[in-house]
Amino acid sequence: MARQHHRRSPVSNPPSRTPARAGGRAVVIAPDSFKGTIGASDAARRIAAGWASVRPQDRLRLLPMADGGEGTLDAFELAVPGATRMPVTVPGPDDRPVDTHWLLLPDGTGVVELAATSGITLLDRLRPLDAHTLGFGQAIAAALDHGVTRLLLAIGGSGSTDGGSGMLRALGAVLLDSAGRPVPPGGRGLA
């Protein structure tokens, strides 16, 4: 079962560093992640730093975007004041432990990101037949154990082809083949 720790979010959407001066503009910086290189939040911060270095009079608003894959939790965290990271350690798509988190929103909603628990960027090499989503299911279970009132599941960026069977196992499902034997983890078990 997943280990859980609690702490406040280190991410914030700071106000513009300098007030707008005459001729300043309001600028929204809303990038997605650049897969395998930089997350949306870091990209937004770096773009803002570059922009501010040449146009310090502008008011910058950082709103990193996500398509449901990498960076979705960061985007929610910046967009929802009072969001709290809920750290958890789960097995990654190749069984190595992953220290990650799910997000608790002030209204009691939990947000769990597949890419942060079972994502393709967590693999040293692709494992199309053996990678699994067990960690995603354990993070969902941690959110449910915490007592969330609603769940939002961001399901992009997967590193597996198990169709969510690992997630279902973590939540208590028993998957059997036509002979009544347990289905092995990963896509290989579904073949």
Foldseek 3Di string as FASTA:
>chain_A
DKDKDWDFDPDEWDWQPDEADVVAEEEEQEEAADPPPGGQVVVQVVVVVVVCVVRVNYIYTYQYDYPLAGRPQVNVPHVAPPKTWMWIWFQEQQGDIATFTWIAGPVLEIEAGQCRGHAQSVDPDQDAFRGARLRSLLRVVVSVVVPRPHYDYRYPRGRFDQVCPNSVVNVPDFDADPVRHGQHGTNNSVD
